[in-house]
Amino acid sequence: MADVHICKAYFKEGASFVDSFTCPQDPGRPELKYCCGFEDMKYCCGEPGNYYPYKHAYMWSLSAGLLVGLSIAALVLLAFLTSVLVLCILFLRTKPRQANTELKQRSHTSSHEA
C-alpha cells in the first residue's frame, strides 16, 4: 500500500465537525497523498509541508496587509514618475530655443599708437 497520511478531525468555521480522513481520498488521484490546509479547512494535496497550524481567516489578514503594502508602493512609484515627468518638462521649457552662434567682434584698437 502507498503512503497514507491522516488529516485529523477538525471544526469548520461554521462550528461543523469534520471527521478525520486519510489521503489520498480519491483512489484515482494517488499523487494527492499529503494532508494540507489549515486548522479549520483541510484537504489532500500533492506537496508536503502545505499544512498551516492556524485558521484559514488568518490568510485574509495577510492578504489585506499585502494589499495595503502594494498600494503604498504604487503611490510612491506614481509620485516618483510624476516628479521625473515634471522635472523633464521644466528642463525642456527652460532650455534656450536656439543657440546664439554669432560672435561679437571686438574692435581692435591699439593702445600703443606710434
PDB file of N, CA and C in Angstrom:
ATOM      1  N   MET A   1       0.851  -1.183   0.000  1.00  0.00           N
ATOM      2  CA  MET A   1       0.000   0.000   0.000  1.00  0.00           C
ATOM      3  C   MET A   1       0.892   1.241   0.000  1.00  0.00           C
ATOM      4  N   ALA A   2       0.491   2.276  -0.687  1.00  0.00           N
ATOM      5  CA  ALA A   2       1.250   3.524  -0.786  1.00  0.00           C
ATOM      6  C   ALA A   2       1.205   4.265   0.543  1.00  0.00           C
ATOM      7  N   ASP A   3       1.969   5.345   0.594  1.00  0.00           N
ATOM      8  CA  ASP A   3       1.980   6.168   1.803  1.00  0.00           C
ATOM      9  C   ASP A   3       0.578   6.667   2.107  1.00  0.00           C
ATOM     10  N   VAL A   4       0.194   6.561   3.362  1.00  0.00           N
ATOM     11  CA  VAL A   4      -1.114   7.048   3.790  1.00  0.00           C
ATOM     12  C   VAL A   4      -0.879   8.105   4.860  1.00  0.00           C
ATOM     13  N   HIS A   5      -1.438   9.269   4.634  1.00  0.00           N
ATOM     14  CA  HIS A   5      -1.356  10.356   5.604  1.00  0.00           C
ATOM     15  C   HIS A   5      -2.751  10.627   6.125  1.00  0.00           C
ATOM     16  N   ILE A   6      -2.836  10.936   7.411  1.00  0.00           N
ATOM     17  CA  ILE A   6      -4.135  11.154   8.044  1.00  0.00           C
ATOM     18  C   ILE A   6      -4.316  12.638   8.353  1.00  0.00           C
ATOM     19  N   CYS A   7      -5.426  13.177   7.898  1.00  0.00           N
ATOM     20  CA  CYS A   7      -5.833  14.525   8.289  1.00  0.00           C
ATOM     21  C   CYS A   7      -6.710  14.359   9.523  1.00  0.00           C
ATOM     22  N   LYS A   8      -6.285  14.946  10.620  1.00  0.00           N
ATOM     23  CA  LYS A   8      -7.027  14.806  11.873  1.00  0.00           C
ATOM     24  C   LYS A   8      -8.348  15.557  11.808  1.00  0.00           C
ATOM     25  N   ALA A   9      -9.288  15.113  12.629  1.00  0.00           N
ATOM     26  CA  ALA A   9     -10.616  15.741  12.693  1.00  0.00           C
ATOM     27  C   ALA A   9     -10.487  17.201  13.110  1.00  0.00           C
ATOM     28  N   TYR A  10     -11.450  17.993  12.660  1.00  0.00           N
ATOM     29  CA  TYR A  10     -11.396  19.423  12.961  1.00  0.00           C
ATOM     30  C   TYR A  10     -12.795  20.030  12.895  1.00  0.00           C
ATOM     31  N   PHE A  11     -12.898  21.256  13.386  1.00  0.00           N
ATOM     32  CA  PHE A  11     -14.138  22.023  13.295  1.00  0.00           C
ATOM     33  C   PHE A  11     -13.991  23.059  12.190  1.00  0.00           C
ATOM     34  N   LYS A  12     -14.984  23.085  11.298  1.00  0.00           N
ATOM     35  CA  LYS A  12     -15.007  24.106  10.256  1.00  0.00           C
ATOM     36  C   LYS A  12     -15.366  25.453  10.873  1.00  0.00           C
ATOM     37  N   GLU A  13     -15.288  26.496  10.070  1.00  0.00           N
ATOM     38  CA  GLU A  13     -15.569  27.836  10.564  1.00  0.00           C
ATOM     39  C   GLU A  13     -16.982  27.959  11.113  1.00  0.00           C
ATOM     40  N   GLY A  14     -17.936  27.296  10.523  1.00  0.00           N
ATOM     41  CA  GLY A  14     -19.321  27.352  10.998  1.00  0.00           C
ATOM     42  C   GLY A  14     -19.585  26.423  12.167  1.00  0.00           C
ATOM     43  N   ALA A  15     -18.566  25.934  12.842  1.00  0.00           N
ATOM     44  CA  ALA A  15     -18.642  25.044  14.003  1.00  0.00           C
ATOM     45  C   ALA A  15     -19.134  23.652  13.638  1.00  0.00           C
ATOM     46  N   SER A  16     -19.122  23.294  12.354  1.00  0.00           N
ATOM     47  CA  SER A  16     -19.487  21.924  11.997  1.00  0.00           C
ATOM     48  C   SER A  16     -18.235  21.048  12.083  1.00  0.00           C
ATOM     49  N   PHE A  17     -18.433  19.834  12.553  1.00  0.00           N
ATOM     50  CA  PHE A  17     -17.332  18.910  12.801  1.00  0.00           C
ATOM     51  C   PHE A  17     -17.039  18.088  11.548  1.00  0.00           C
ATOM     52  N   VAL A  18     -15.758  17.925  11.239  1.00  0.00           N
ATOM     53  CA  VAL A  18     -15.335  17.096  10.111  1.00  0.00           C
ATOM     54  C   VAL A  18     -14.466  15.978  10.672  1.00  0.00           C
ATOM     55  N   ASP A  19     -14.857  14.715  10.398  1.00  0.00           N
ATOM     56  CA  ASP A  19     -14.092  13.562  10.882  1.00  0.00           C
ATOM     57  C   ASP A  19     -12.730  13.488  10.206  1.00  0.00           C
ATOM     58  N   SER A  20     -11.815  12.792  10.861  1.00  0.00           N
ATOM     59  CA  SER A  20     -10.500  12.596  10.260  1.00  0.00           C
ATOM     60  C   SER A  20     -10.644  11.754   8.987  1.00  0.00           C
ATOM     61  N   PHE A  21      -9.711  11.939   8.059  1.00  0.00           N
ATOM     62  CA  PHE A  21      -9.734  11.183   6.813  1.00  0.00           C
ATOM     63  C   PHE A  21      -8.301  10.927   6.362  1.00  0.00           C
ATOM     64  N   THR A  22      -8.166   9.926   5.503  1.00  0.00           N
ATOM     65  CA  THR A  22      -6.833   9.574   5.005  1.00  0.00           C
ATOM     66  C   THR A  22      -6.635  10.148   3.602  1.00  0.00           C
ATOM     67  N   CYS A  23      -5.393  10.429   3.315  1.00  0.00           N
ATOM     68  CA  CYS A  23      -5.027  10.909   1.979  1.00  0.00           C
ATOM     69  C   CYS A  23      -4.168   9.841   1.316  1.00  0.00           C
ATOM     70  N   PRO A  24      -4.438   9.514   0.084  1.00  0.00           N
ATOM     71  CA  PRO A  24      -5.391  10.151  -0.826  1.00  0.00           C
ATOM     72  C   PRO A  24      -6.819   9.664  -0.585  1.00  0.00           C
ATOM     73  N   GLN A  25      -7.767  10.577  -0.727  1.00  0.00           N
ATOM     74  CA  GLN A  25      -9.176  10.227  -0.577  1.00  0.00           C
ATOM     75  C   GLN A  25      -9.694   9.567  -1.842  1.00  0.00           C
ATOM     76  N   ASP A  26      -9.240  10.029  -2.986  1.00  0.00           N
ATOM     77  CA  ASP A  26      -9.688   9.506  -4.278  1.00  0.00           C
ATOM     78  C   ASP A  26      -8.642   8.506  -4.782  1.00  0.00           C
ATOM     79  N   PRO A  27      -9.005   7.219  -4.937  1.00  0.00           N
ATOM     80  CA  PRO A  27      -8.035   6.224  -5.412  1.00  0.00           C
ATOM     81  C   PRO A  27      -7.501   6.543  -6.818  1.00  0.00           C
ATOM     82  N   GLY A  28      -8.233   7.306  -7.580  1.00  0.00           N
ATOM     83  CA  GLY A  28      -7.789   7.675  -8.921  1.00  0.00           C
ATOM     84  C   GLY A  28      -6.772   8.806  -8.920  1.00  0.00           C
ATOM     85  N   ARG A  29      -6.527   9.428  -7.769  1.00  0.00           N
ATOM     86  CA  ARG A  29      -5.565  10.530  -7.668  1.00  0.00           C
ATOM     87  C   ARG A  29      -4.552  10.217  -6.571  1.00  0.00           C
ATOM     88  N   PRO A  30      -3.685   9.229  -6.779  1.00  0.00           N
ATOM     89  CA  PRO A  30      -2.739   8.828  -5.731  1.00  0.00           C
ATOM     90  C   PRO A  30      -1.691   9.888  -5.414  1.00  0.00           C
ATOM     91  N   GLU A  31      -1.502  10.864  -6.306  1.00  0.00           N
ATOM     92  CA  GLU A  31      -0.496  11.903  -6.050  1.00  0.00           C
ATOM     93  C   GLU A  31      -0.922  12.881  -4.949  1.00  0.00           C
ATOM     94  N   LEU A  32      -2.220  12.906  -4.628  1.00  0.00           N
ATOM     95  CA  LEU A  32      -2.726  13.790  -3.570  1.00  0.00           C
ATOM     96  C   LEU A  32      -2.678  13.049  -2.240  1.00  0.00           C
ATOM     97  N   LYS A  33      -1.466  12.834  -1.746  1.00  0.00           N
ATOM     98  CA  LYS A  33      -1.298  11.965  -0.582  1.00  0.00           C
ATOM     99  C   LYS A  33      -0.953  12.690   0.714  1.00  0.00           C
ATOM    100  N   TYR A  34      -0.837  14.005   0.687  1.00  0.00           N
ATOM    101  CA  TYR A  34      -0.464  14.752   1.892  1.00  0.00           C
ATOM    102  C   TYR A  34      -1.657  15.539   2.417  1.00  0.00           C
ATOM    103  N   CYS A  35      -1.690  15.698   3.738  1.00  0.00           N
ATOM    104  CA  CYS A  35      -2.734  16.498   4.372  1.00  0.00           C
ATOM    105  C   CYS A  35      -2.293  17.957   4.327  1.00  0.00           C
ATOM    106  N   CYS A  36      -3.113  18.787   3.727  1.00  0.00           N
ATOM    107  CA  CYS A  36      -2.787  20.207   3.561  1.00  0.00           C
ATOM    108  C   CYS A  36      -3.932  21.060   4.076  1.00  0.00           C
ATOM    109  N   GLY A  37      -3.691  22.352   4.141  1.00  0.00           N
ATOM    110  CA  GLY A  37      -4.741  23.283   4.533  1.00  0.00           C
ATOM    111  C   GLY A  37      -4.441  23.972   5.844  1.00  0.00           C
ATOM    112  N   PHE A  38      -5.503  24.215   6.621  1.00  0.00           N
ATOM    113  CA  PHE A  38      -5.424  24.979   7.858  1.00  0.00           C
ATOM    114  C   PHE A  38      -6.117  24.215   8.975  1.00  0.00           C
ATOM    115  N   GLU A  39      -6.119  24.783  10.167  1.00  0.00           N
ATOM    116  CA  GLU A  39      -6.796  24.144  11.296  1.00  0.00           C
ATOM    117  C   GLU A  39      -8.280  23.945  11.028  1.00  0.00           C
ATOM    118  N   ASP A  40      -8.875  24.853  10.286  1.00  0.00           N
ATOM    119  CA  ASP A  40     -10.318  24.806  10.064  1.00  0.00           C
ATOM    120  C   ASP A  40     -10.702  24.497   8.617  1.00  0.00           C
ATOM    121  N   MET A  41      -9.753  24.021   7.814  1.00  0.00           N
ATOM    122  CA  MET A  41     -10.044  23.653   6.428  1.00  0.00           C
ATOM    123  C   MET A  41      -8.901  22.762   5.918  1.00  0.00           C
ATOM    124  N   LYS A  42      -9.125  21.466   5.897  1.00  0.00           N
ATOM    125  CA  LYS A  42      -8.091  20.523   5.491  1.00  0.00           C
ATOM    126  C   LYS A  42      -8.488  19.817   4.206  1.00  0.00           C
ATOM    127  N   TYR A  43      -7.474  19.440   3.420  1.00  0.00           N
ATOM    128  CA  TYR A  43      -7.694  18.740   2.155  1.00  0.00           C
ATOM    129  C   TYR A  43      -6.434  17.975   1.798  1.00  0.00           C
ATOM    130  N   CYS A  44      -6.540  17.107   0.820  1.00  0.00           N
ATOM    131  CA  CYS A  44      -5.391  16.331   0.361  1.00  0.00           C
ATOM    132  C   CYS A  44      -4.730  17.071  -0.807  1.00  0.00           C
ATOM    133  N   CYS A  45      -3.386  17.077  -0.791  1.00  0.00           N
ATOM    134  CA  CYS A  45      -2.661  17.750  -1.869  1.00  0.00           C
ATOM    135  C   CYS A  45      -1.410  16.943  -2.222  1.00  0.00           C
ATOM    136  N   GLY A  46      -0.683  17.389  -3.220  1.00  0.00           N
ATOM    137  CA  GLY A  46       0.463  16.645  -3.725  1.00  0.00           C
ATOM    138  C   GLY A  46       1.812  17.093  -3.212  1.00  0.00           C
ATOM    139  N   GLU A  47       1.875  18.134  -2.394  1.00  0.00           N
ATOM    140  CA  GLU A  47       3.152  18.638  -1.896  1.00  0.00           C
ATOM    141  C   GLU A  47       3.188  18.600  -0.374  1.00  0.00           C
ATOM    142  N   PRO A  48       4.239  18.029   0.199  1.00  0.00           N
ATOM    143  CA  PRO A  48       4.337  18.018   1.662  1.00  0.00           C
ATOM    144  C   PRO A  48       4.630  19.422   2.187  1.00  0.00           C
ATOM    145  N   GLY A  49       4.245  19.677   3.404  1.00  0.00           N
ATOM    146  CA  GLY A  49       4.546  20.960   4.026  1.00  0.00           C
ATOM    147  C   GLY A  49       3.566  22.065   3.708  1.00  0.00           C
ATOM    148  N   ASN A  50       2.417  21.743   3.192  1.00  0.00           N
ATOM    149  CA  ASN A  50       1.416  22.765   2.896  1.00  0.00           C
ATOM    150  C   ASN A  50       0.300  22.786   3.930  1.00  0.00           C
ATOM    151  N   TYR A  51       0.619  22.353   5.139  1.00  0.00           N
ATOM    152  CA  TYR A  51      -0.346  22.459   6.230  1.00  0.00           C
ATOM    153  C   TYR A  51       0.098  23.602   7.130  1.00  0.00           C
ATOM    154  N   TYR A  52      -0.834  24.489   7.465  1.00  0.00           N
ATOM    155  CA  TYR A  52      -0.523  25.652   8.284  1.00  0.00           C
ATOM    156  C   TYR A  52      -1.304  25.568   9.584  1.00  0.00           C
ATOM    157  N   PRO A  53      -0.625  25.639  10.722  1.00  0.00           N
ATOM    158  CA  PRO A  53      -1.293  25.438  12.020  1.00  0.00           C
ATOM    159  C   PRO A  53      -2.030  26.674  12.524  1.00  0.00           C
ATOM    160  N   TYR A  54      -2.763  27.347  11.669  1.00  0.00           N
ATOM    161  CA  TYR A  54      -3.606  28.464  12.082  1.00  0.00           C
ATOM    162  C   TYR A  54      -4.849  28.453  11.217  1.00  0.00           C
ATOM    163  N   LYS A  55      -5.793  29.296  11.578  1.00  0.00           N
ATOM    164  CA  LYS A  55      -7.083  29.273  10.887  1.00  0.00           C
ATOM    165  C   LYS A  55      -6.992  29.930   9.512  1.00  0.00           C
ATOM    166  N   HIS A  56      -7.881  29.508   8.635  1.00  0.00           N
ATOM    167  CA  HIS A  56      -7.904  29.999   7.263  1.00  0.00           C
ATOM    168  C   HIS A  56      -8.140  31.503   7.203  1.00  0.00           C
ATOM    169  N   ALA A  57      -8.885  32.064   8.152  1.00  0.00           N
ATOM    170  CA  ALA A  57      -9.172  33.501   8.169  1.00  0.00           C
ATOM    171  C   ALA A  57      -7.893  34.320   8.314  1.00  0.00           C
ATOM    172  N   TYR A  58      -6.838  33.701   8.871  1.00  0.00           N
ATOM    173  CA  TYR A  58      -5.559  34.388   9.017  1.00  0.00           C
ATOM    174  C   TYR A  58      -5.013  34.822   7.660  1.00  0.00           C
ATOM    175  N   MET A  59      -5.277  34.042   6.624  1.00  0.00           N
ATOM    176  CA  MET A  59      -4.794  34.373   5.290  1.00  0.00           C
ATOM    177  C   MET A  59      -5.449  35.648   4.771  1.00  0.00           C
ATOM    178  N   TRP A  60      -6.690  35.918   5.168  1.00  0.00           N
ATOM    179  CA  TRP A  60      -7.335  37.153   4.725  1.00  0.00           C
ATOM    180  C   TRP A  60      -6.651  38.362   5.322  1.00  0.00           C
ATOM    181  N   SER A  61      -6.196  38.268   6.571  1.00  0.00           N
ATOM    182  CA  SER A  61      -5.484  39.401   7.166  1.00  0.00           C
ATOM    183  C   SER A  61      -4.134  39.588   6.480  1.00  0.00           C
ATOM    184  N   LEU A  62      -3.492  38.501   6.081  1.00  0.00           N
ATOM    185  CA  LEU A  62      -2.246  38.616   5.321  1.00  0.00           C
ATOM    186  C   LEU A  62      -2.525  39.275   3.975  1.00  0.00           C
ATOM    187  N   SER A  63      -3.608  38.903   3.338  1.00  0.00           N
ATOM    188  CA  SER A  63      -3.955  39.479   2.044  1.00  0.00           C
ATOM    189  C   SER A  63      -4.252  40.970   2.172  1.00  0.00           C
ATOM    190  N   ALA A  64      -4.926  41.363   3.234  1.00  0.00           N
ATOM    191  CA  ALA A  64      -5.227  42.780   3.443  1.00  0.00           C
ATOM    192  C   ALA A  64      -3.936  43.564   3.649  1.00  0.00           C
ATOM    193  N   GLY A  65      -3.023  43.010   4.444  1.00  0.00           N
ATOM    194  CA  GLY A  65      -1.733  43.669   4.656  1.00  0.00           C
ATOM    195  C   GLY A  65      -0.940  43.784   3.371  1.00  0.00           C
ATOM    196  N   LEU A  66      -0.998  42.746   2.568  1.00  0.00           N
ATOM    197  CA  LEU A  66      -0.303  42.764   1.287  1.00  0.00           C
ATOM    198  C   LEU A  66      -0.893  43.834   0.372  1.00  0.00           C
ATOM    199  N   LEU A  67      -2.216  43.944   0.343  1.00  0.00           N
ATOM    200  CA  LEU A  67      -2.857  44.964  -0.486  1.00  0.00           C
ATOM    201  C   LEU A  67      -2.494  46.376  -0.035  1.00  0.00           C
ATOM    202  N   VAL A  68      -2.440  46.595   1.260  1.00  0.00           N
ATOM    203  CA  VAL A  68      -2.063  47.915   1.778  1.00  0.00           C
ATOM    204  C   VAL A  68      -0.620  48.223   1.386  1.00  0.00           C
ATOM    205  N   GLY A  69       0.267  47.254   1.562  1.00  0.00           N
ATOM    206  CA  GLY A  69       1.673  47.455   1.202  1.00  0.00           C
ATOM    207  C   GLY A  69       1.856  47.731  -0.274  1.00  0.00           C
ATOM    208  N   LEU A  70       1.167  46.977  -1.114  1.00  0.00           N
ATOM    209  CA  LEU A  70       1.273  47.190  -2.557  1.00  0.00           C
ATOM    210  C   LEU A  70       0.679  48.536  -2.969  1.00  0.00           C
ATOM    211  N   SER A  71      -0.383  48.944  -2.306  1.00  0.00           N
ATOM    212  CA  SER A  71      -0.984  50.251  -2.612  1.00  0.00           C
ATOM    213  C   SER A  71      -0.023  51.385  -2.277  1.00  0.00           C
ATOM    214  N   ILE A  72       0.623  51.288  -1.141  1.00  0.00           N
ATOM    215  CA  ILE A  72       1.598  52.316  -0.750  1.00  0.00           C
ATOM    216  C   ILE A  72       2.765  52.331  -1.734  1.00  0.00           C
ATOM    217  N   ALA A  73       3.250  51.162  -2.110  1.00  0.00           N
ATOM    218  CA  ALA A  73       4.352  51.091  -3.077  1.00  0.00           C
ATOM    219  C   ALA A  73       3.932  51.689  -4.417  1.00  0.00           C
ATOM    220  N   ALA A  74       2.712  51.445  -4.844  1.00  0.00           N
ATOM    221  CA  ALA A  74       2.226  52.001  -6.107  1.00  0.00           C
ATOM    222  C   ALA A  74       2.138  53.521  -6.027  1.00  0.00           C
ATOM    223  N   LEU A  75       1.700  54.057  -4.901  1.00  0.00           N
ATOM    224  CA  LEU A  75       1.620  55.508  -4.744  1.00  0.00           C
ATOM    225  C   LEU A  75       3.005  56.150  -4.756  1.00  0.00           C
ATOM    226  N   VAL A  76       3.963  55.513  -4.111  1.00  0.00           N
ATOM    227  CA  VAL A  76       5.335  56.029  -4.112  1.00  0.00           C
ATOM    228  C   VAL A  76       5.898  56.010  -5.533  1.00  0.00           C
ATOM    229  N   LEU A  77       5.667  54.936  -6.257  1.00  0.00           N
ATOM    230  CA  LEU A  77       6.133  54.848  -7.640  1.00  0.00           C
ATOM    231  C   LEU A  77       5.466  55.905  -8.510  1.00  0.00           C
ATOM    232  N   LEU A  78       4.173  56.116  -8.332  1.00  0.00           N
ATOM    233  CA  LEU A  78       3.456  57.133  -9.087  1.00  0.00           C
ATOM    234  C   LEU A  78       3.998  58.525  -8.779  1.00  0.00           C
ATOM    235  N   ALA A  79       4.276  58.813  -7.522  1.00  0.00           N
ATOM    236  CA  ALA A  79       4.836  60.113  -7.144  1.00  0.00           C
ATOM    237  C   ALA A  79       6.219  60.303  -7.766  1.00  0.00           C
ATOM    238  N   PHE A  80       7.026  59.262  -7.762  1.00  0.00           N
ATOM    239  CA  PHE A  80       8.362  59.330  -8.367  1.00  0.00           C
ATOM    240  C   PHE A  80       8.268  59.605  -9.865  1.00  0.00           C
ATOM    241  N   LEU A  81       7.423  58.862 -10.568  1.00  0.00           N
ATOM    242  CA  LEU A  81       7.282  59.044 -12.011  1.00  0.00           C
ATOM    243  C   LEU A  81       6.729  60.424 -12.349  1.00  0.00           C
ATOM    244  N   THR A  82       5.795  60.913 -11.545  1.00  0.00           N
ATOM    245  CA  THR A  82       5.250  62.256 -11.758  1.00  0.00           C
ATOM    246  C   THR A  82       6.343  63.308 -11.564  1.00  0.00           C
ATOM    247  N   SER A  83       7.173  63.147 -10.542  1.00  0.00           N
ATOM    248  CA  SER A  83       8.271  64.081 -10.299  1.00  0.00           C
ATOM    249  C   SER A  83       9.247  64.087 -11.468  1.00  0.00           C
ATOM    250  N   VAL A  84       9.603  62.925 -11.969  1.00  0.00           N
ATOM    251  CA  VAL A  84      10.517  62.841 -13.104  1.00  0.00           C
ATOM    252  C   VAL A  84       9.904  63.517 -14.322  1.00  0.00           C
ATOM    253  N   LEU A  85       8.640  63.293 -14.574  1.00  0.00           N
ATOM    254  CA  LEU A  85       7.960  63.906 -15.712  1.00  0.00           C
ATOM    255  C   LEU A  85       7.953  65.429 -15.589  1.00  0.00           C
ATOM    256  N   VAL A  86       7.612  65.943 -14.422  1.00  0.00           N
ATOM    257  CA  VAL A  86       7.571  67.388 -14.202  1.00  0.00           C
ATOM    258  C   VAL A  86       8.964  67.987 -14.384  1.00  0.00           C
ATOM    259  N   LEU A  87       9.991  67.335 -13.845  1.00  0.00           N
ATOM    260  CA  LEU A  87      11.350  67.848 -13.996  1.00  0.00           C
ATOM    261  C   LEU A  87      11.792  67.841 -15.453  1.00  0.00           C
ATOM    262  N   CYS A  88      11.443  66.833 -16.203  1.00  0.00           N
ATOM    263  CA  CYS A  88      11.785  66.791 -17.630  1.00  0.00           C
ATOM    264  C   CYS A  88      11.091  67.917 -18.391  1.00  0.00           C
ATOM    265  N   ILE A  89       9.826  68.148 -18.097  1.00  0.00           N
ATOM    266  CA  ILE A  89       9.086  69.227 -18.770  1.00  0.00           C
ATOM    267  C   ILE A  89       9.698  70.582 -18.418  1.00  0.00           C
ATOM    268  N   LEU A  90      10.025  70.791 -17.154  1.00  0.00           N
ATOM    269  CA  LEU A  90      10.643  72.055 -16.751  1.00  0.00           C
ATOM    270  C   LEU A  90      11.999  72.240 -17.427  1.00  0.00           C
ATOM    271  N   PHE A  91      12.766  71.189 -17.525  1.00  0.00           N
ATOM    272  CA  PHE A  91      14.076  71.271 -18.176  1.00  0.00           C
ATOM    273  C   PHE A  91      13.920  71.651 -19.641  1.00  0.00           C
ATOM    274  N   LEU A  92      12.970  71.037 -20.326  1.00  0.00           N
ATOM    275  CA  LEU A  92      12.785  71.323 -21.745  1.00  0.00           C
ATOM    276  C   LEU A  92      12.224  72.726 -21.982  1.00  0.00           C
ATOM    277  N   ARG A  93      11.406  73.221 -21.091  1.00  0.00           N
ATOM    278  CA  ARG A  93      10.823  74.556 -21.269  1.00  0.00           C
ATOM    279  C   ARG A  93      11.797  75.666 -20.933  1.00  0.00           C
ATOM    280  N   THR A  94      12.709  75.441 -20.032  1.00  0.00           N
ATOM    281  CA  THR A  94      13.659  76.496 -19.656  1.00  0.00           C
ATOM    282  C   THR A  94      14.912  76.449 -20.509  1.00  0.00           C
ATOM    283  N   LYS A  95      15.065  75.481 -21.328  1.00  0.00           N
ATOM    284  CA  LYS A  95      16.216  75.357 -22.215  1.00  0.00           C
ATOM    285  C   LYS A  95      16.082  76.406 -23.321  1.00  0.00           C
ATOM    286  N   PRO A  96      17.169  77.120 -23.698  1.00  0.00           N
ATOM    287  CA  PRO A  96      17.081  78.099 -24.779  1.00  0.00           C
ATOM    288  C   PRO A  96      16.650  77.422 -26.070  1.00  0.00           C
ATOM    289  N   ARG A  97      15.801  78.112 -26.815  1.00  0.00           N
ATOM    290  CA  ARG A  97      15.265  77.537 -28.044  1.00  0.00           C
ATOM    291  C   ARG A  97      16.326  77.424 -29.129  1.00  0.00           C
ATOM    292  N   GLN A  98      17.136  78.480 -29.277  1.00  0.00           N
ATOM    293  CA  GLN A  98      18.127  78.471 -30.336  1.00  0.00           C
ATOM    294  C   GLN A  98      19.427  78.997 -29.772  1.00  0.00           C
ATOM    295  N   ALA A  99      20.472  78.312 -30.058  1.00  0.00           N
ATOM    296  CA  ALA A  99      21.767  78.732 -29.543  1.00  0.00           C
ATOM    297  C   ALA A  99      22.229  79.971 -30.303  1.00  0.00           C
ATOM    298  N   ASN A 100      22.800  80.928 -29.622  1.00  0.00           N
ATOM    299  CA  ASN A 100      23.334  82.134 -30.233  1.00  0.00           C
ATOM    300  C   ASN A 100      24.740  81.823 -30.727  1.00  0.00           C
ATOM    301  N   THR A 101      24.861  81.660 -32.032  1.00  0.00           N
ATOM    302  CA  THR A 101      26.162  81.281 -32.595  1.00  0.00           C
ATOM    303  C   THR A 101      26.938  82.464 -33.132  1.00  0.00           C
ATOM    304  N   GLU A 102      26.338  83.649 -33.105  1.00  0.00           N
ATOM    305  CA  GLU A 102      27.054  84.824 -33.591  1.00  0.00           C
ATOM    306  C   GLU A 102      28.063  85.280 -32.553  1.00  0.00           C
ATOM    307  N   LEU A 103      29.256  85.520 -33.032  1.00  0.00           N
ATOM    308  CA  LEU A 103      30.289  86.022 -32.137  1.00  0.00           C
ATOM    309  C   LEU A 103      30.361  87.534 -32.283  1.00  0.00           C
ATOM    310  N   LYS A 104      30.403  88.210 -31.207  1.00  0.00           N
ATOM    311  CA  LYS A 104      30.529  89.664 -31.262  1.00  0.00           C
ATOM    312  C   LYS A 104      31.989  89.993 -31.525  1.00  0.00           C
ATOM    313  N   GLN A 105      32.187  90.890 -32.438  1.00  0.00           N
ATOM    314  CA  GLN A 105      33.548  91.277 -32.768  1.00  0.00           C
ATOM    315  C   GLN A 105      33.973  92.433 -31.885  1.00  0.00           C
ATOM    316  N   ARG A 106      35.151  92.356 -31.455  1.00  0.00           N
ATOM    317  CA  ARG A 106      35.725  93.422 -30.659  1.00  0.00           C
ATOM    318  C   ARG A 106      36.502  94.351 -31.588  1.00  0.00           C
ATOM    319  N   SER A 107      36.454  95.554 -31.262  1.00  0.00           N
ATOM    320  CA  SER A 107      37.261  96.467 -32.061  1.00  0.00           C
ATOM    321  C   SER A 107      38.699  96.362 -31.579  1.00  0.00           C
ATOM    322  N   HIS A 108      39.576  96.286 -32.520  1.00  0.00           N
ATOM    323  CA  HIS A 108      40.987  96.126 -32.192  1.00  0.00           C
ATOM    324  C   HIS A 108      41.688  97.482 -32.334  1.00  0.00           C
ATOM    325  N   THR A 109      41.544  98.230 -31.354  1.00  0.00           N
ATOM    326  CA  THR A 109      42.268  99.485 -31.366  1.00  0.00           C
ATOM    327  C   THR A 109      43.477  99.323 -30.482  1.00  0.00           C
ATOM    328  N   SER A 110      44.494  99.730 -30.980  1.00  0.00           N
ATOM    329  CA  SER A 110      45.740  99.575 -30.253  1.00  0.00           C
ATOM    330  C   SER A 110      45.884 100.697 -29.259  1.00  0.00           C
ATOM    331  N   SER A 111      46.297 100.383 -28.101  1.00  0.00           N
ATOM    332  CA  SER A 111      46.535 101.410 -27.116  1.00  0.00           C
ATOM    333  C   SER A 111      47.926 102.012 -27.297  1.00  0.00           C
ATOM    334  N   HIS A 112      48.713 101.311 -28.084  1.00  0.00           N
ATOM    335  CA  HIS A 112      50.059 101.825 -28.380  1.00  0.00           C
ATOM    336  C   HIS A 112      50.038 102.447 -29.749  1.00  0.00           C
ATOM    337  N   GLU A 113      49.961 103.670 -29.786  1.00  0.00           N
ATOM    338  CA  GLU A 113      49.985 104.334 -31.087  1.00  0.00           C
ATOM    339  C   GLU A 113      51.361 104.884 -31.312  1.00  0.00           C
ATOM    340  N   ALA A 114      51.865 104.560 -32.465  1.00  0.00           N
ATOM    341  CA  ALA A 114      53.221 105.030 -32.753  1.00  0.00           C
ATOM    342  C   ALA A 114      53.211 106.326 -33.471  1.00  0.00           C
TER     343      ALA A 114
END
